[in-house]
Amino acid sequence: ARSGGAPADPGVWSRRLRNAATVVLPPMIVTAVFLL
């Protein structure tokens, strides 16, 4: 077992990263364009 209870499936982390990018990237891009 991995320390810290991390899931063994590496696809779980990739899905989490994609979900986080879906939430964070759009407002960051819009804000950057607005400031520019």
PDB file of all heavy atoms in Angstrom:
ATOM      1  N   ALA A   1       0.844  -1.205   0.000  1.00  0.00           N
ATOM      2  CA  ALA A   1       0.000   0.000   0.000  1.00  0.00           C
ATOM      3  C   ALA A   1       0.867   1.239   0.000  1.00  0.00           C
ATOM      4  O   ALA A   1       1.903   1.301   0.657  1.00  0.00           O
ATOM      5  CB  ALA A   1      -0.908  -0.003   1.237  1.00  0.00           C
ATOM      6  N   ARG A   2       0.406   2.233  -0.751  1.00  0.00           N
ATOM      7  CA  ARG A   2       1.164   3.484  -0.812  1.00  0.00           C
ATOM      8  C   ARG A   2       0.897   4.315   0.419  1.00  0.00           C
ATOM      9  O   ARG A   2      -0.179   4.305   0.965  1.00  0.00           O
ATOM     10  CB  ARG A   2       0.783   4.273  -2.071  1.00  0.00           C
ATOM     11  CG  ARG A   2       1.107   3.523  -3.346  1.00  0.00           C
ATOM     12  CD  ARG A   2       0.834   4.422  -4.535  1.00  0.00           C
ATOM     13  NE  ARG A   2       1.147   3.754  -5.781  1.00  0.00           N
ATOM     14  CZ  ARG A   2       1.055   4.331  -6.961  1.00  0.00           C
ATOM     15  NH1 ARG A   2       0.671   5.585  -7.051  1.00  0.00           N
ATOM     16  NH2 ARG A   2       1.350   3.659  -8.062  1.00  0.00           N
ATOM     17  N   SER A   3       1.909   4.985   0.813  1.00  0.00           N
ATOM     18  CA  SER A   3       1.762   5.841   1.996  1.00  0.00           C
ATOM     19  C   SER A   3       0.852   7.012   1.664  1.00  0.00           C
ATOM     20  O   SER A   3       0.854   7.520   0.559  1.00  0.00           O
ATOM     21  CB  SER A   3       3.134   6.357   2.437  1.00  0.00           C
ATOM     22  OG  SER A   3       3.733   7.108   1.402  1.00  0.00           O
ATOM     23  N   GLY A   4       0.078   7.393   2.694  1.00  0.00           N
ATOM     24  CA  GLY A   4      -0.801   8.546   2.514  1.00  0.00           C
ATOM     25  C   GLY A   4      -2.123   8.196   1.875  1.00  0.00           C
ATOM     26  O   GLY A   4      -2.944   9.053   1.639  1.00  0.00           O
ATOM     27  N   GLY A   5      -2.405   6.908   1.564  1.00  0.00           N
ATOM     28  CA  GLY A   5      -3.681   6.519   0.996  1.00  0.00           C
ATOM     29  C   GLY A   5      -3.894   6.999  -0.414  1.00  0.00           C
ATOM     30  O   GLY A   5      -5.018   7.200  -0.850  1.00  0.00           O
ATOM     31  N   ALA A   6      -2.858   7.279  -1.188  1.00  0.00           N
ATOM     32  CA  ALA A   6      -3.006   7.768  -2.554  1.00  0.00           C
ATOM     33  C   ALA A   6      -3.518   6.643  -3.442  1.00  0.00           C
ATOM     34  O   ALA A   6      -3.148   5.483  -3.277  1.00  0.00           O
ATOM     35  CB  ALA A   6      -1.661   8.261  -3.084  1.00  0.00           C
ATOM     36  N   PRO A   7      -4.415   6.900  -4.365  1.00  0.00           N
ATOM     37  CA  PRO A   7      -4.931   5.857  -5.227  1.00  0.00           C
ATOM     38  C   PRO A   7      -3.840   5.283  -6.115  1.00  0.00           C
ATOM     39  O   PRO A   7      -2.947   5.982  -6.585  1.00  0.00           O
ATOM     40  CB  PRO A   7      -5.991   6.595  -6.063  1.00  0.00           C
ATOM     41  CG  PRO A   7      -5.598   8.024  -5.997  1.00  0.00           C
ATOM     42  CD  PRO A   7      -4.954   8.227  -4.658  1.00  0.00           C
ATOM     43  N   ALA A   8      -3.924   3.951  -6.311  1.00  0.00           N
ATOM     44  CA  ALA A   8      -2.902   3.281  -7.116  1.00  0.00           C
ATOM     45  C   ALA A   8      -3.062   3.592  -8.593  1.00  0.00           C
ATOM     46  O   ALA A   8      -2.103   3.523  -9.356  1.00  0.00           O
ATOM     47  CB  ALA A   8      -2.967   1.770  -6.882  1.00  0.00           C
ATOM     48  N   ASP A   9      -4.288   3.904  -9.007  1.00  0.00           N
ATOM     49  CA  ASP A   9      -4.542   4.146 -10.414  1.00  0.00           C
ATOM     50  C   ASP A   9      -4.026   5.534 -10.798  1.00  0.00           C
ATOM     51  O   ASP A   9      -4.525   6.548 -10.297  1.00  0.00           O
ATOM     52  CB  ASP A   9      -6.041   4.041 -10.700  1.00  0.00           C
ATOM     53  CG  ASP A   9      -6.346   4.159 -12.183  1.00  0.00           C
ATOM     54  OD1 ASP A   9      -5.379   4.160 -12.978  1.00  0.00           O
ATOM     55  OD2 ASP A   9      -7.532   4.241 -12.539  1.00  0.00           O
ATOM     56  N   PRO A  10      -3.032   5.625 -11.673  1.00  0.00           N
ATOM     57  CA  PRO A  10      -2.548   6.971 -12.054  1.00  0.00           C
ATOM     58  C   PRO A  10      -3.575   7.751 -12.850  1.00  0.00           C
ATOM     59  O   PRO A  10      -3.481   8.973 -12.952  1.00  0.00           O
ATOM     60  CB  PRO A  10      -1.306   6.666 -12.892  1.00  0.00           C
ATOM     61  CG  PRO A  10      -1.504   5.276 -13.402  1.00  0.00           C
ATOM     62  CD  PRO A  10      -2.266   4.546 -12.328  1.00  0.00           C
ATOM     63  N   GLY A  11      -4.577   7.071 -13.408  1.00  0.00           N
ATOM     64  CA  GLY A  11      -5.601   7.790 -14.158  1.00  0.00           C
ATOM     65  C   GLY A  11      -6.468   8.659 -13.291  1.00  0.00           C
ATOM     66  O   GLY A  11      -7.074   9.628 -13.770  1.00  0.00           O
ATOM     67  N   VAL A  12      -6.545   8.331 -11.982  1.00  0.00           N
ATOM     68  CA  VAL A  12      -7.356   9.149 -11.081  1.00  0.00           C
ATOM     69  C   VAL A  12      -6.772  10.556 -10.967  1.00  0.00           C
ATOM     70  O   VAL A  12      -7.491  11.552 -11.026  1.00  0.00           O
ATOM     71  CB  VAL A  12      -7.426   8.480  -9.693  1.00  0.00           C
ATOM     72  CG1 VAL A  12      -8.144   9.391  -8.704  1.00  0.00           C
ATOM     73  CG2 VAL A  12      -8.137   7.140  -9.794  1.00  0.00           C
ATOM     74  N   TRP A  13      -5.445  10.631 -10.839  1.00  0.00           N
ATOM     75  CA  TRP A  13      -4.799  11.935 -10.731  1.00  0.00           C
ATOM     76  C   TRP A  13      -4.935  12.729 -12.025  1.00  0.00           C
ATOM     77  O   TRP A  13      -5.127  13.952 -11.988  1.00  0.00           O
ATOM     78  CB  TRP A  13      -3.327  11.766 -10.370  1.00  0.00           C
ATOM     79  CG  TRP A  13      -3.114  11.376  -8.952  1.00  0.00           C
ATOM     80  CD1 TRP A  13      -2.706  10.181  -8.462  1.00  0.00           C
ATOM     81  CD2 TRP A  13      -3.349  12.198  -7.813  1.00  0.00           C
ATOM     82  NE1 TRP A  13      -2.650  10.181  -7.097  1.00  0.00           N
ATOM     83  CE2 TRP A  13      -3.027  11.429  -6.658  1.00  0.00           C
ATOM     84  CE3 TRP A  13      -3.773  13.515  -7.639  1.00  0.00           C
ATOM     85  CZ2 TRP A  13      -3.140  11.926  -5.371  1.00  0.00           C
ATOM     86  CZ3 TRP A  13      -3.888  14.013  -6.348  1.00  0.00           C
ATOM     87  CH2 TRP A  13      -3.571  13.223  -5.240  1.00  0.00           C
ATOM     88  N   SER A  14      -4.851  12.054 -13.136  1.00  0.00           N
ATOM     89  CA  SER A  14      -4.992  12.767 -14.408  1.00  0.00           C
ATOM     90  C   SER A  14      -6.396  13.323 -14.564  1.00  0.00           C
ATOM     91  O   SER A  14      -6.577  14.445 -15.048  1.00  0.00           O
ATOM     92  CB  SER A  14      -4.647  11.843 -15.573  1.00  0.00           C
ATOM     93  OG  SER A  14      -5.533  10.754 -15.639  1.00  0.00           O
ATOM     94  N   ARG A  15      -7.395  12.557 -14.129  1.00  0.00           N
ATOM     95  CA  ARG A  15      -8.769  13.057 -14.200  1.00  0.00           C
ATOM     96  C   ARG A  15      -8.970  14.246 -13.267  1.00  0.00           C
ATOM     97  O   ARG A  15      -9.661  15.212 -13.611  1.00  0.00           O
ATOM     98  CB  ARG A  15      -9.751  11.944 -13.856  1.00  0.00           C
ATOM     99  CG  ARG A  15      -9.912  10.892 -14.956  1.00  0.00           C
ATOM    100  CD  ARG A  15     -11.116  10.020 -14.714  1.00  0.00           C
ATOM    101  NE  ARG A  15     -10.969   9.236 -13.488  1.00  0.00           N
ATOM    102  CZ  ARG A  15     -10.418   8.033 -13.434  1.00  0.00           C
ATOM    103  NH1 ARG A  15      -9.942   7.474 -14.546  1.00  0.00           N
ATOM    104  NH2 ARG A  15     -10.334   7.369 -12.293  1.00  0.00           N
ATOM    105  N   ARG A  16      -8.360  14.165 -12.086  1.00  0.00           N
ATOM    106  CA  ARG A  16      -8.486  15.286 -11.152  1.00  0.00           C
ATOM    107  C   ARG A  16      -7.823  16.540 -11.706  1.00  0.00           C
ATOM    108  O   ARG A  16      -8.343  17.645 -11.558  1.00  0.00           O
ATOM    109  CB  ARG A  16      -7.859  14.908  -9.813  1.00  0.00           C
ATOM    110  CG  ARG A  16      -8.655  13.861  -9.033  1.00  0.00           C
ATOM    111  CD  ARG A  16      -7.979  13.543  -7.706  1.00  0.00           C
ATOM    112  NE  ARG A  16      -8.740  12.564  -6.946  1.00  0.00           N
ATOM    113  CZ  ARG A  16      -8.349  12.080  -5.761  1.00  0.00           C
ATOM    114  NH1 ARG A  16      -7.214  12.503  -5.223  1.00  0.00           N
ATOM    115  NH2 ARG A  16      -9.094  11.199  -5.132  1.00  0.00           N
ATOM    116  N   LEU A  17      -6.672  16.356 -12.322  1.00  0.00           N
ATOM    117  CA  LEU A  17      -5.988  17.509 -12.906  1.00  0.00           C
ATOM    118  C   LEU A  17      -6.801  18.119 -14.039  1.00  0.00           C
ATOM    119  O   LEU A  17      -6.873  19.344 -14.190  1.00  0.00           O
ATOM    120  CB  LEU A  17      -4.600  17.096 -13.401  1.00  0.00           C
ATOM    121  CG  LEU A  17      -3.565  16.770 -12.312  1.00  0.00           C
ATOM    122  CD1 LEU A  17      -2.281  16.269 -12.951  1.00  0.00           C
ATOM    123  CD2 LEU A  17      -3.291  17.995 -11.447  1.00  0.00           C
ATOM    124  N   ARG A  18      -7.412  17.256 -14.863  1.00  0.00           N
ATOM    125  CA  ARG A  18      -8.246  17.776 -15.956  1.00  0.00           C
ATOM    126  C   ARG A  18      -9.453  18.530 -15.411  1.00  0.00           C
ATOM    127  O   ARG A  18      -9.822  19.592 -15.929  1.00  0.00           O
ATOM    128  CB  ARG A  18      -8.691  16.632 -16.865  1.00  0.00           C
ATOM    129  CG  ARG A  18      -7.587  16.083 -17.767  1.00  0.00           C
ATOM    130  CD  ARG A  18      -8.178  15.260 -18.897  1.00  0.00           C
ATOM    131  NE  ARG A  18      -8.917  14.120 -18.387  1.00  0.00           N
ATOM    132  CZ  ARG A  18      -8.393  12.910 -18.181  1.00  0.00           C
ATOM    133  NH1 ARG A  18      -7.106  12.701 -18.430  1.00  0.00           N
ATOM    134  NH2 ARG A  18      -9.129  11.919 -17.726  1.00  0.00           N
ATOM    135  N   ASN A  19     -10.074  17.985 -14.362  1.00  0.00           N
ATOM    136  CA  ASN A  19     -11.222  18.675 -13.774  1.00  0.00           C
ATOM    137  C   ASN A  19     -10.816  20.014 -13.175  1.00  0.00           C
ATOM    138  O   ASN A  19     -11.518  21.019 -13.321  1.00  0.00           O
ATOM    139  CB  ASN A  19     -11.860  17.791 -12.704  1.00  0.00           C
ATOM    140  CG  ASN A  19     -12.505  16.542 -13.273  1.00  0.00           C
ATOM    141  OD1 ASN A  19     -12.876  16.514 -14.451  1.00  0.00           O
ATOM    142  ND2 ASN A  19     -12.631  15.506 -12.465  1.00  0.00           N
ATOM    143  N   ALA A  20      -9.659  20.028 -12.482  1.00  0.00           N
ATOM    144  CA  ALA A  20      -9.187  21.292 -11.905  1.00  0.00           C
ATOM    145  C   ALA A  20      -8.860  22.306 -12.989  1.00  0.00           C
ATOM    146  O   ALA A  20      -9.169  23.498 -12.864  1.00  0.00           O
ATOM    147  CB  ALA A  20      -7.959  21.037 -11.028  1.00  0.00           C
ATOM    148  N   ALA A  21      -8.248  21.824 -14.085  1.00  0.00           N
ATOM    149  CA  ALA A  21      -7.932  22.734 -15.190  1.00  0.00           C
ATOM    150  C   ALA A  21      -9.208  23.281 -15.829  1.00  0.00           C
ATOM    151  O   ALA A  21      -9.264  24.449 -16.222  1.00  0.00           O
ATOM    152  CB  ALA A  21      -7.082  22.020 -16.229  1.00  0.00           C
ATOM    153  N   THR A  22     -10.248  22.447 -15.904  1.00  0.00           N
ATOM    154  CA  THR A  22     -11.512  22.904 -16.482  1.00  0.00           C
ATOM    155  C   THR A  22     -12.130  24.018 -15.656  1.00  0.00           C
ATOM    156  O   THR A  22     -12.768  24.933 -16.192  1.00  0.00           O
ATOM    157  CB  THR A  22     -12.489  21.722 -16.588  1.00  0.00           C
ATOM    158  OG1 THR A  22     -11.890  20.681 -17.364  1.00  0.00           O
ATOM    159  CG2 THR A  22     -13.783  22.148 -17.248  1.00  0.00           C
ATOM    160  N   VAL A  23     -11.935  23.961 -14.328  1.00  0.00           N
ATOM    161  CA  VAL A  23     -12.525  24.975 -13.456  1.00  0.00           C
ATOM    162  C   VAL A  23     -11.654  26.225 -13.378  1.00  0.00           C
ATOM    163  O   VAL A  23     -12.159  27.350 -13.376  1.00  0.00           O
ATOM    164  CB  VAL A  23     -12.735  24.378 -12.038  1.00  0.00           C
ATOM    165  CG1 VAL A  23     -13.229  25.447 -11.078  1.00  0.00           C
ATOM    166  CG2 VAL A  23     -13.730  23.225 -12.096  1.00  0.00           C
ATOM    167  N   VAL A  24     -10.337  26.053 -13.331  1.00  0.00           N
ATOM    168  CA  VAL A  24      -9.433  27.172 -13.053  1.00  0.00           C
ATOM    169  C   VAL A  24      -9.017  27.912 -14.317  1.00  0.00           C
ATOM    170  O   VAL A  24      -8.951  29.150 -14.334  1.00  0.00           O
ATOM    171  CB  VAL A  24      -8.190  26.662 -12.293  1.00  0.00           C
ATOM    172  CG1 VAL A  24      -7.180  27.782 -12.111  1.00  0.00           C
ATOM    173  CG2 VAL A  24      -8.592  26.074 -10.953  1.00  0.00           C
ATOM    174  N   LEU A  25      -8.742  27.188 -15.385  1.00  0.00           N
ATOM    175  CA  LEU A  25      -8.174  27.827 -16.568  1.00  0.00           C
ATOM    176  C   LEU A  25      -9.095  28.849 -17.231  1.00  0.00           C
ATOM    177  O   LEU A  25      -8.622  29.934 -17.595  1.00  0.00           O
ATOM    178  CB  LEU A  25      -7.753  26.757 -17.579  1.00  0.00           C
ATOM    179  CG  LEU A  25      -6.452  26.020 -17.261  1.00  0.00           C
ATOM    180  CD1 LEU A  25      -6.143  25.003 -18.354  1.00  0.00           C
ATOM    181  CD2 LEU A  25      -5.294  26.999 -17.117  1.00  0.00           C
ATOM    182  N   PRO A  26     -10.387  28.571 -17.438  1.00  0.00           N
ATOM    183  CA  PRO A  26     -11.224  29.573 -18.125  1.00  0.00           C
ATOM    184  C   PRO A  26     -11.225  30.946 -17.464  1.00  0.00           C
ATOM    185  O   PRO A  26     -11.004  31.952 -18.140  1.00  0.00           O
ATOM    186  CB  PRO A  26     -12.619  28.924 -18.130  1.00  0.00           C
ATOM    187  CG  PRO A  26     -12.343  27.461 -18.097  1.00  0.00           C
ATOM    188  CD  PRO A  26     -11.134  27.303 -17.245  1.00  0.00           C
ATOM    189  N   PRO A  27     -11.475  31.054 -16.124  1.00  0.00           N
ATOM    190  CA  PRO A  27     -11.428  32.408 -15.543  1.00  0.00           C
ATOM    191  C   PRO A  27     -10.050  33.042 -15.598  1.00  0.00           C
ATOM    192  O   PRO A  27      -9.934  34.263 -15.745  1.00  0.00           O
ATOM    193  CB  PRO A  27     -11.881  32.187 -14.086  1.00  0.00           C
ATOM    194  CG  PRO A  27     -11.672  30.745 -13.826  1.00  0.00           C
ATOM    195  CD  PRO A  27     -11.886  30.055 -15.122  1.00  0.00           C
ATOM    196  N   MET A  28      -8.989  32.231 -15.497  1.00  0.00           N
ATOM    197  CA  MET A  28      -7.641  32.792 -15.580  1.00  0.00           C
ATOM    198  C   MET A  28      -7.369  33.349 -16.968  1.00  0.00           C
ATOM    199  O   MET A  28      -6.802  34.439 -17.112  1.00  0.00           O
ATOM    200  CB  MET A  28      -6.607  31.722 -15.221  1.00  0.00           C
ATOM    201  CG  MET A  28      -6.612  31.296 -13.765  1.00  0.00           C
ATOM    202  SD  MET A  28      -5.340  30.065 -13.404  1.00  0.00           S
ATOM    203  CE  MET A  28      -3.864  30.984 -13.808  1.00  0.00           C
ATOM    204  N   ILE A  29      -7.798  32.626 -17.994  1.00  0.00           N
ATOM    205  CA  ILE A  29      -7.578  33.087 -19.366  1.00  0.00           C
ATOM    206  C   ILE A  29      -8.379  34.355 -19.642  1.00  0.00           C
ATOM    207  O   ILE A  29      -7.861  35.333 -20.213  1.00  0.00           O
ATOM    208  CB  ILE A  29      -7.939  31.974 -20.363  1.00  0.00           C
ATOM    209  CG1 ILE A  29      -6.956  30.794 -20.207  1.00  0.00           C
ATOM    210  CG2 ILE A  29      -7.917  32.496 -21.790  1.00  0.00           C
ATOM    211  CD1 ILE A  29      -7.328  29.588 -21.053  1.00  0.00           C
ATOM    212  N   VAL A  30      -9.649  34.356 -19.221  1.00  0.00           N
ATOM    213  CA  VAL A  30     -10.482  35.540 -19.445  1.00  0.00           C
ATOM    214  C   VAL A  30      -9.926  36.746 -18.703  1.00  0.00           C
ATOM    215  O   VAL A  30      -9.883  37.868 -19.241  1.00  0.00           O
ATOM    216  CB  VAL A  30     -11.935  35.245 -19.015  1.00  0.00           C
ATOM    217  CG1 VAL A  30     -12.773  36.517 -19.057  1.00  0.00           C
ATOM    218  CG2 VAL A  30     -12.549  34.182 -19.913  1.00  0.00           C
ATOM    219  N   THR A  31      -9.481  36.538 -17.460  1.00  0.00           N
ATOM    220  CA  THR A  31      -8.905  37.636 -16.686  1.00  0.00           C
ATOM    221  C   THR A  31      -7.637  38.178 -17.338  1.00  0.00           C
ATOM    222  O   THR A  31      -7.425  39.391 -17.415  1.00  0.00           O
ATOM    223  CB  THR A  31      -8.601  37.178 -15.257  1.00  0.00           C
ATOM    224  OG1 THR A  31      -9.804  36.680 -14.650  1.00  0.00           O
ATOM    225  CG2 THR A  31      -8.050  38.323 -14.426  1.00  0.00           C
ATOM    226  N   ALA A  32      -6.790  37.265 -17.820  1.00  0.00           N
ATOM    227  CA  ALA A  32      -5.552  37.702 -18.476  1.00  0.00           C
ATOM    228  C   ALA A  32      -5.848  38.497 -19.738  1.00  0.00           C
ATOM    229  O   ALA A  32      -5.213  39.532 -19.999  1.00  0.00           O
ATOM    230  CB  ALA A  32      -4.686  36.487 -18.800  1.00  0.00           C
ATOM    231  N   VAL A  33      -6.820  38.044 -20.522  1.00  0.00           N
ATOM    232  CA  VAL A  33      -7.183  38.775 -21.742  1.00  0.00           C
ATOM    233  C   VAL A  33      -7.751  40.150 -21.395  1.00  0.00           C
ATOM    234  O   VAL A  33      -7.427  41.158 -22.039  1.00  0.00           O
ATOM    235  CB  VAL A  33      -8.181  37.944 -22.566  1.00  0.00           C
ATOM    236  CG1 VAL A  33      -8.724  38.769 -23.740  1.00  0.00           C
ATOM    237  CG2 VAL A  33      -7.528  36.669 -23.092  1.00  0.00           C
ATOM    238  N   PHE A  34      -8.598  40.189 -20.358  1.00  0.00           N
ATOM    239  CA  PHE A  34      -9.178  41.465 -19.935  1.00  0.00           C
ATOM    240  C   PHE A  34      -8.097  42.447 -19.493  1.00  0.00           C
ATOM    241  O   PHE A  34      -8.108  43.632 -19.872  1.00  0.00           O
ATOM    242  CB  PHE A  34     -10.183  41.229 -18.810  1.00  0.00           C
ATOM    243  CG  PHE A  34     -10.678  42.484 -18.160  1.00  0.00           C
ATOM    244  CD1 PHE A  34     -11.594  43.299 -18.801  1.00  0.00           C
ATOM    245  CD2 PHE A  34     -10.226  42.862 -16.895  1.00  0.00           C
ATOM    246  CE1 PHE A  34     -12.058  44.465 -18.210  1.00  0.00           C
ATOM    247  CE2 PHE A  34     -10.674  44.016 -16.298  1.00  0.00           C
ATOM    248  CZ  PHE A  34     -11.590  44.817 -16.953  1.00  0.00           C
ATOM    249  N   LEU A  35      -7.142  41.975 -18.685  1.00  0.00           N
ATOM    250  CA  LEU A  35      -6.064  42.844 -18.222  1.00  0.00           C
ATOM    251  C   LEU A  35      -5.178  43.306 -19.373  1.00  0.00           C
ATOM    252  O   LEU A  35      -4.714  44.459 -19.387  1.00  0.00           O
ATOM    253  CB  LEU A  35      -5.225  42.121 -17.170  1.00  0.00           C
ATOM    254  CG  LEU A  35      -5.917  41.834 -15.831  1.00  0.00           C
ATOM    255  CD1 LEU A  35      -5.000  41.035 -14.924  1.00  0.00           C
ATOM    256  CD2 LEU A  35      -6.356  43.129 -15.154  1.00  0.00           C
ATOM    257  N   LEU A  36      -4.962  42.426 -20.335  1.00  0.00           N
ATOM    258  CA  LEU A  36      -4.145  42.800 -21.489  1.00  0.00           C
ATOM    259  C   LEU A  36      -4.817  43.892 -22.307  1.00  0.00           C
ATOM    260  O   LEU A  36      -4.181  44.882 -22.703  1.00  0.00           O
ATOM    261  CB  LEU A  36      -3.863  41.571 -22.348  1.00  0.00           C
ATOM    262  CG  LEU A  36      -3.022  41.800 -23.612  1.00  0.00           C
ATOM    263  CD1 LEU A  36      -1.647  42.332 -23.240  1.00  0.00           C
ATOM    264  CD2 LEU A  36      -2.913  40.505 -24.421  1.00  0.00           C
TER     265      LEU A  36
END
